[in-house]
Every structure is written in C-alpha cells, then in structure tokens.
Amino acid sequence: MLDLALFLDLAHRAGQSGVQEWLSFYLKAPQAATEAGAEHDLFIQQTKLKNTLREWMGEKPVTHPEAG
C-alpha cells in the first residue's frame, strides 16, 4: 500500500491526473482511461508500470514484440 501511495504522489508531481492505468498492477479491478478497456494481464501491467517510470526518468521504454 505504501508503494501505491508513493507512486500516486510521484504521478501528481509529474502533472498526472485522472485514472492512472500504469498503476493497475496494484489493483484487483483496474480502471481504464480509454475505451479499449482495462488490461488484466499481470505481465503487461508490470511492463506499463516500469515503462511509465522509465519515461519519467528520460529512458527508452522496454518493448517486447510478443507482448500485444
């Protein structure tokens, strides 16, 4: 729970608001900000989390050709 609170604070400091899809890794029933719907694949959720953090650090996202 502490991780989630710290990430929400980080998102706020980064100017983010609304639904934070990149935090769906921590939620049993994630919400989606787009009409595509929520992602329920745990590994894709983890990749979104890591890539959001990498983007904020100025690094390239990790991509996997086989991941949707």
PDB file of N, CA and C in Angstrom:
ATOM      1  N   MET A   1       0.818  -1.180   0.000  1.00  0.00           N
ATOM      2  CA  MET A   1       0.000   0.000   0.000  1.00  0.00           C
ATOM      3  C   MET A   1       0.871   1.256   0.000  1.00  0.00           C
ATOM      4  N   LEU A   2       2.006   1.185   0.666  1.00  0.00           N
ATOM      5  CA  LEU A   2       2.909   2.336   0.693  1.00  0.00           C
ATOM      6  C   LEU A   2       3.428   2.641  -0.709  1.00  0.00           C
ATOM      7  N   ASP A   3       3.754   1.586  -1.475  1.00  0.00           N
ATOM      8  CA  ASP A   3       4.216   1.794  -2.849  1.00  0.00           C
ATOM      9  C   ASP A   3       3.182   2.564  -3.657  1.00  0.00           C
ATOM     10  N   LEU A   4       1.927   2.169  -3.534  1.00  0.00           N
ATOM     11  CA  LEU A   4       0.852   2.822  -4.281  1.00  0.00           C
ATOM     12  C   LEU A   4       0.742   4.297  -3.904  1.00  0.00           C
ATOM     13  N   ALA A   5       0.826   4.597  -2.625  1.00  0.00           N
ATOM     14  CA  ALA A   5       0.756   5.989  -2.169  1.00  0.00           C
ATOM     15  C   ALA A   5       1.937   6.803  -2.705  1.00  0.00           C
ATOM     16  N   LEU A   6       3.124   6.222  -2.690  1.00  0.00           N
ATOM     17  CA  LEU A   6       4.303   6.929  -3.201  1.00  0.00           C
ATOM     18  C   LEU A   6       4.210   7.154  -4.705  1.00  0.00           C
ATOM     19  N   PHE A   7       3.723   6.151  -5.439  1.00  0.00           N
ATOM     20  CA  PHE A   7       3.568   6.303  -6.885  1.00  0.00           C
ATOM     21  C   PHE A   7       2.502   7.344  -7.226  1.00  0.00           C
ATOM     22  N   LEU A   8       1.420   7.400  -6.448  1.00  0.00           N
ATOM     23  CA  LEU A   8       0.397   8.422  -6.680  1.00  0.00           C
ATOM     24  C   LEU A   8       0.955   9.821  -6.426  1.00  0.00           C
ATOM     25  N   ASP A   9       1.784   9.951  -5.407  1.00  0.00           N
ATOM     26  CA  ASP A   9       2.430  11.235  -5.141  1.00  0.00           C
ATOM     27  C   ASP A   9       3.367  11.604  -6.293  1.00  0.00           C
ATOM     28  N   LEU A  10       4.113  10.633  -6.787  1.00  0.00           N
ATOM     29  CA  LEU A  10       5.013  10.864  -7.915  1.00  0.00           C
ATOM     30  C   LEU A  10       4.223  11.289  -9.153  1.00  0.00           C
ATOM     31  N   ALA A  11       3.093  10.628  -9.408  1.00  0.00           N
ATOM     32  CA  ALA A  11       2.253  10.981 -10.555  1.00  0.00           C
ATOM     33  C   ALA A  11       1.754  12.416 -10.429  1.00  0.00           C
ATOM     34  N   HIS A  12       1.344  12.787  -9.235  1.00  0.00           N
ATOM     35  CA  HIS A  12       0.870  14.157  -9.003  1.00  0.00           C
ATOM     36  C   HIS A  12       1.982  15.168  -9.274  1.00  0.00           C
ATOM     37  N   ARG A  13       3.179  14.860  -8.809  1.00  0.00           N
ATOM     38  CA  ARG A  13       4.324  15.758  -9.021  1.00  0.00           C
ATOM     39  C   ARG A  13       4.707  15.841 -10.498  1.00  0.00           C
ATOM     40  N   ALA A  14       4.412  14.755 -11.250  1.00  0.00           N
ATOM     41  CA  ALA A  14       4.709  14.731 -12.687  1.00  0.00           C
ATOM     42  C   ALA A  14       3.593  15.374 -13.504  1.00  0.00           C
ATOM     43  N   GLY A  15       2.566  15.888 -12.818  1.00  0.00           N
ATOM     44  CA  GLY A  15       1.482  16.567 -13.511  1.00  0.00           C
ATOM     45  C   GLY A  15       0.389  15.654 -14.025  1.00  0.00           C
ATOM     46  N   GLN A  16       0.371  14.424 -13.563  1.00  0.00           N
ATOM     47  CA  GLN A  16      -0.641  13.464 -13.997  1.00  0.00           C
ATOM     48  C   GLN A  16      -1.896  13.613 -13.152  1.00  0.00           C
ATOM     49  N   SER A  17      -3.040  13.360 -13.775  1.00  0.00           N
ATOM     50  CA  SER A  17      -4.302  13.382 -13.038  1.00  0.00           C
ATOM     51  C   SER A  17      -5.250  12.374 -13.671  1.00  0.00           C
ATOM     52  N   GLY A  18      -6.329  12.093 -12.994  1.00  0.00           N
ATOM     53  CA  GLY A  18      -7.303  11.139 -13.515  1.00  0.00           C
ATOM     54  C   GLY A  18      -6.886   9.701 -13.266  1.00  0.00           C
ATOM     55  N   VAL A  19      -7.429   8.801 -14.083  1.00  0.00           N
ATOM     56  CA  VAL A  19      -7.141   7.371 -13.945  1.00  0.00           C
ATOM     57  C   VAL A  19      -5.676   7.115 -14.289  1.00  0.00           C
ATOM     58  N   GLN A  20      -4.986   6.422 -13.424  1.00  0.00           N
ATOM     59  CA  GLN A  20      -3.575   6.084 -13.621  1.00  0.00           C
ATOM     60  C   GLN A  20      -3.482   4.611 -14.018  1.00  0.00           C
ATOM     61  N   GLU A  21      -3.643   4.336 -15.320  1.00  0.00           N
ATOM     62  CA  GLU A  21      -3.633   2.950 -15.799  1.00  0.00           C
ATOM     63  C   GLU A  21      -2.331   2.234 -15.469  1.00  0.00           C
ATOM     64  N   TRP A  22      -1.252   2.965 -15.422  1.00  0.00           N
ATOM     65  CA  TRP A  22       0.046   2.349 -15.165  1.00  0.00           C
ATOM     66  C   TRP A  22       0.140   1.765 -13.758  1.00  0.00           C
ATOM     67  N   LEU A  23      -0.799   2.110 -12.867  1.00  0.00           N
ATOM     68  CA  LEU A  23      -0.821   1.550 -11.514  1.00  0.00           C
ATOM     69  C   LEU A  23      -1.773   0.361 -11.389  1.00  0.00           C
ATOM     70  N   SER A  24      -2.318  -0.116 -12.517  1.00  0.00           N
ATOM     71  CA  SER A  24      -3.262  -1.234 -12.474  1.00  0.00           C
ATOM     72  C   SER A  24      -2.620  -2.507 -11.923  1.00  0.00           C
ATOM     73  N   PHE A  25      -1.293  -2.573 -11.943  1.00  0.00           N
ATOM     74  CA  PHE A  25      -0.559  -3.712 -11.389  1.00  0.00           C
ATOM     75  C   PHE A  25      -0.924  -3.945  -9.922  1.00  0.00           C
ATOM     76  N   TYR A  26      -1.296  -2.892  -9.212  1.00  0.00           N
ATOM     77  CA  TYR A  26      -1.601  -2.979  -7.786  1.00  0.00           C
ATOM     78  C   TYR A  26      -3.082  -3.216  -7.491  1.00  0.00           C
ATOM     79  N   LEU A  27      -3.925  -3.238  -8.503  1.00  0.00           N
ATOM     80  CA  LEU A  27      -5.370  -3.276  -8.279  1.00  0.00           C
ATOM     81  C   LEU A  27      -6.006  -4.555  -8.811  1.00  0.00           C
ATOM     82  N   LYS A  28      -6.960  -5.087  -8.066  1.00  0.00           N
ATOM     83  CA  LYS A  28      -7.652  -6.300  -8.489  1.00  0.00           C
ATOM     84  C   LYS A  28      -8.594  -6.023  -9.654  1.00  0.00           C
ATOM     85  N   ALA A  29      -9.255  -4.872  -9.639  1.00  0.00           N
ATOM     86  CA  ALA A  29     -10.186  -4.484 -10.698  1.00  0.00           C
ATOM     87  C   ALA A  29      -9.742  -3.134 -11.266  1.00  0.00           C
ATOM     88  N   PRO A  30      -8.749  -3.144 -12.173  1.00  0.00           N
ATOM     89  CA  PRO A  30      -8.222  -1.884 -12.692  1.00  0.00           C
ATOM     90  C   PRO A  30      -9.236  -1.137 -13.553  1.00  0.00           C
ATOM     91  N   GLN A  31      -9.097   0.186 -13.590  1.00  0.00           N
ATOM     92  CA  GLN A  31      -9.925   1.028 -14.442  1.00  0.00           C
ATOM     93  C   GLN A  31      -9.119   1.418 -15.667  1.00  0.00           C
ATOM     94  N   ALA A  32      -9.824   1.811 -16.714  1.00  0.00           N
ATOM     95  CA  ALA A  32      -9.157   2.233 -17.940  1.00  0.00           C
ATOM     96  C   ALA A  32      -9.549   3.662 -18.270  1.00  0.00           C
ATOM     97  N   ALA A  33      -8.591   4.411 -18.771  1.00  0.00           N
ATOM     98  CA  ALA A  33      -8.853   5.791 -19.173  1.00  0.00           C
ATOM     99  C   ALA A  33      -9.304   5.860 -20.627  1.00  0.00           C
ATOM    100  N   THR A  34      -9.165   4.757 -21.351  1.00  0.00           N
ATOM    101  CA  THR A  34      -9.547   4.718 -22.761  1.00  0.00           C
ATOM    102  C   THR A  34     -10.696   3.745 -22.965  1.00  0.00           C
ATOM    103  N   GLU A  35     -11.279   3.790 -24.151  1.00  0.00           N
ATOM    104  CA  GLU A  35     -12.386   2.891 -24.462  1.00  0.00           C
ATOM    105  C   GLU A  35     -11.918   1.462 -24.721  1.00  0.00           C
ATOM    106  N   ALA A  36     -10.619   1.253 -24.837  1.00  0.00           N
ATOM    107  CA  ALA A  36     -10.084  -0.081 -25.103  1.00  0.00           C
ATOM    108  C   ALA A  36     -10.336  -1.036 -23.940  1.00  0.00           C
ATOM    109  N   GLY A  37     -10.597  -0.509 -22.770  1.00  0.00           N
ATOM    110  CA  GLY A  37     -10.855  -1.343 -21.602  1.00  0.00           C
ATOM    111  C   GLY A  37      -9.608  -1.574 -20.778  1.00  0.00           C
ATOM    112  N   ALA A  38      -9.821  -2.136 -19.620  1.00  0.00           N
ATOM    113  CA  ALA A  38      -8.718  -2.369 -18.683  1.00  0.00           C
ATOM    114  C   ALA A  38      -7.899  -3.585 -19.092  1.00  0.00           C
ATOM    115  N   GLU A  39      -6.613  -3.514 -18.828  1.00  0.00           N
ATOM    116  CA  GLU A  39      -5.706  -4.631 -19.089  1.00  0.00           C
ATOM    117  C   GLU A  39      -5.641  -5.498 -17.841  1.00  0.00           C
ATOM    118  N   HIS A  40      -5.872  -6.810 -18.004  1.00  0.00           N
ATOM    119  CA  HIS A  40      -5.865  -7.711 -16.856  1.00  0.00           C
ATOM    120  C   HIS A  40      -4.648  -8.637 -16.835  1.00  0.00           C
ATOM    121  N   ASP A  41      -3.829  -8.592 -17.870  1.00  0.00           N
ATOM    122  CA  ASP A  41      -2.622  -9.414 -17.929  1.00  0.00           C
ATOM    123  C   ASP A  41      -1.582  -8.810 -16.989  1.00  0.00           C
ATOM    124  N   LEU A  42      -1.205  -9.562 -15.972  1.00  0.00           N
ATOM    125  CA  LEU A  42      -0.297  -9.069 -14.940  1.00  0.00           C
ATOM    126  C   LEU A  42       1.052  -8.639 -15.507  1.00  0.00           C
ATOM    127  N   PHE A  43       1.557  -9.379 -16.489  1.00  0.00           N
ATOM    128  CA  PHE A  43       2.870  -9.059 -17.042  1.00  0.00           C
ATOM    129  C   PHE A  43       2.835  -7.777 -17.877  1.00  0.00           C
ATOM    130  N   ILE A  44       1.741  -7.548 -18.591  1.00  0.00           N
ATOM    131  CA  ILE A  44       1.590  -6.304 -19.347  1.00  0.00           C
ATOM    132  C   ILE A  44       1.421  -5.133 -18.388  1.00  0.00           C
ATOM    133  N   GLN A  45       0.680  -5.344 -17.304  1.00  0.00           N
ATOM    134  CA  GLN A  45       0.517  -4.300 -16.290  1.00  0.00           C
ATOM    135  C   GLN A  45       1.870  -3.912 -15.698  1.00  0.00           C
ATOM    136  N   GLN A  46       2.695  -4.909 -15.408  1.00  0.00           N
ATOM    137  CA  GLN A  46       4.015  -4.633 -14.841  1.00  0.00           C
ATOM    138  C   GLN A  46       4.889  -3.874 -15.843  1.00  0.00           C
ATOM    139  N   THR A  47       4.799  -4.245 -17.117  1.00  0.00           N
ATOM    140  CA  THR A  47       5.564  -3.551 -18.151  1.00  0.00           C
ATOM    141  C   THR A  47       5.127  -2.098 -18.269  1.00  0.00           C
ATOM    142  N   LYS A  48       3.809  -1.846 -18.199  1.00  0.00           N
ATOM    143  CA  LYS A  48       3.308  -0.464 -18.248  1.00  0.00           C
ATOM    144  C   LYS A  48       3.822   0.344 -17.058  1.00  0.00           C
ATOM    145  N   LEU A  49       3.834  -0.271 -15.891  1.00  0.00           N
ATOM    146  CA  LEU A  49       4.344   0.395 -14.693  1.00  0.00           C
ATOM    147  C   LEU A  49       5.807   0.783 -14.883  1.00  0.00           C
ATOM    148  N   LYS A  50       6.615  -0.177 -15.286  1.00  0.00           N
ATOM    149  CA  LYS A  50       8.046   0.079 -15.460  1.00  0.00           C
ATOM    150  C   LYS A  50       8.308   1.091 -16.568  1.00  0.00           C
ATOM    151  N   ASN A  51       7.555   0.998 -17.673  1.00  0.00           N
ATOM    152  CA  ASN A  51       7.774   1.922 -18.784  1.00  0.00           C
ATOM    153  C   ASN A  51       7.373   3.349 -18.440  1.00  0.00           C
ATOM    154  N   THR A  52       6.343   3.516 -17.636  1.00  0.00           N
ATOM    155  CA  THR A  52       5.961   4.864 -17.208  1.00  0.00           C
ATOM    156  C   THR A  52       7.079   5.473 -16.374  1.00  0.00           C
ATOM    157  N   LEU A  53       7.621   4.693 -15.458  1.00  0.00           N
ATOM    158  CA  LEU A  53       8.723   5.188 -14.624  1.00  0.00           C
ATOM    159  C   LEU A  53       9.962   5.478 -15.468  1.00  0.00           C
ATOM    160  N   ARG A  54      10.242   4.604 -16.448  1.00  0.00           N
ATOM    161  CA  ARG A  54      11.391   4.821 -17.336  1.00  0.00           C
ATOM    162  C   ARG A  54      11.212   6.105 -18.142  1.00  0.00           C
ATOM    163  N   GLU A  55       9.987   6.347 -18.622  1.00  0.00           N
ATOM    164  CA  GLU A  55       9.705   7.556 -19.400  1.00  0.00           C
ATOM    165  C   GLU A  55       9.971   8.807 -18.571  1.00  0.00           C
ATOM    166  N   TRP A  56       9.540   8.797 -17.329  1.00  0.00           N
ATOM    167  CA  TRP A  56       9.745   9.950 -16.451  1.00  0.00           C
ATOM    168  C   TRP A  56      11.218  10.159 -16.122  1.00  0.00           C
ATOM    169  N   MET A  57      12.010   9.084 -16.214  1.00  0.00           N
ATOM    170  CA  MET A  57      13.450   9.209 -15.975  1.00  0.00           C
ATOM    171  C   MET A  57      14.199   9.589 -17.250  1.00  0.00           C
ATOM    172  N   GLY A  58      13.477   9.662 -18.382  1.00  0.00           N
ATOM    173  CA  GLY A  58      14.106  10.019 -19.644  1.00  0.00           C
ATOM    174  C   GLY A  58      14.742   8.854 -20.369  1.00  0.00           C
ATOM    175  N   GLU A  59      14.365   7.635 -20.018  1.00  0.00           N
ATOM    176  CA  GLU A  59      14.913   6.447 -20.665  1.00  0.00           C
ATOM    177  C   GLU A  59      13.916   5.874 -21.658  1.00  0.00           C
ATOM    178  N   LYS A  60      14.414   5.039 -22.564  1.00  0.00           N
ATOM    179  CA  LYS A  60      13.556   4.399 -23.563  1.00  0.00           C
ATOM    180  C   LYS A  60      12.718   3.308 -22.900  1.00  0.00           C
ATOM    181  N   PRO A  61      11.488   3.110 -23.394  1.00  0.00           N
ATOM    182  CA  PRO A  61      10.657   2.039 -22.829  1.00  0.00           C
ATOM    183  C   PRO A  61      11.174   0.665 -23.247  1.00  0.00           C
ATOM    184  N   VAL A  62      10.890  -0.321 -22.434  1.00  0.00           N
ATOM    185  CA  VAL A  62      11.213  -1.703 -22.754  1.00  0.00           C
ATOM    186  C   VAL A  62      10.071  -2.236 -23.602  1.00  0.00           C
ATOM    187  N   THR A  63      10.391  -2.799 -24.754  1.00  0.00           N
ATOM    188  CA  THR A  63       9.355  -3.359 -25.620  1.00  0.00           C
ATOM    189  C   THR A  63       9.637  -4.831 -25.860  1.00  0.00           C
ATOM    190  N   HIS A  64       8.571  -5.577 -25.977  1.00  0.00           N
ATOM    191  CA  HIS A  64       8.661  -7.000 -26.270  1.00  0.00           C
ATOM    192  C   HIS A  64       7.743  -7.265 -27.451  1.00  0.00           C
ATOM    193  N   PRO A  65       8.280  -7.716 -28.593  1.00  0.00           N
ATOM    194  CA  PRO A  65       7.466  -7.914 -29.793  1.00  0.00           C
ATOM    195  C   PRO A  65       6.267  -8.841 -29.573  1.00  0.00           C
ATOM    196  N   GLU A  66       6.410  -9.823 -28.707  1.00  0.00           N
ATOM    197  CA  GLU A  66       5.327 -10.783 -28.491  1.00  0.00           C
ATOM    198  C   GLU A  66       4.251 -10.259 -27.545  1.00  0.00           C
ATOM    199  N   ALA A  67       4.478  -9.126 -26.910  1.00  0.00           N
ATOM    200  CA  ALA A  67       3.511  -8.567 -25.954  1.00  0.00           C
ATOM    201  C   ALA A  67       2.565  -7.612 -26.670  1.00  0.00           C
ATOM    202  N   GLY A  68       1.438  -8.165 -27.133  1.00  0.00           N
ATOM    203  CA  GLY A  68       0.358  -7.418 -27.750  1.00  0.00           C
ATOM    204  C   GLY A  68       0.796  -6.262 -28.511  1.00  0.00           C
TER     205      GLY A  68
END
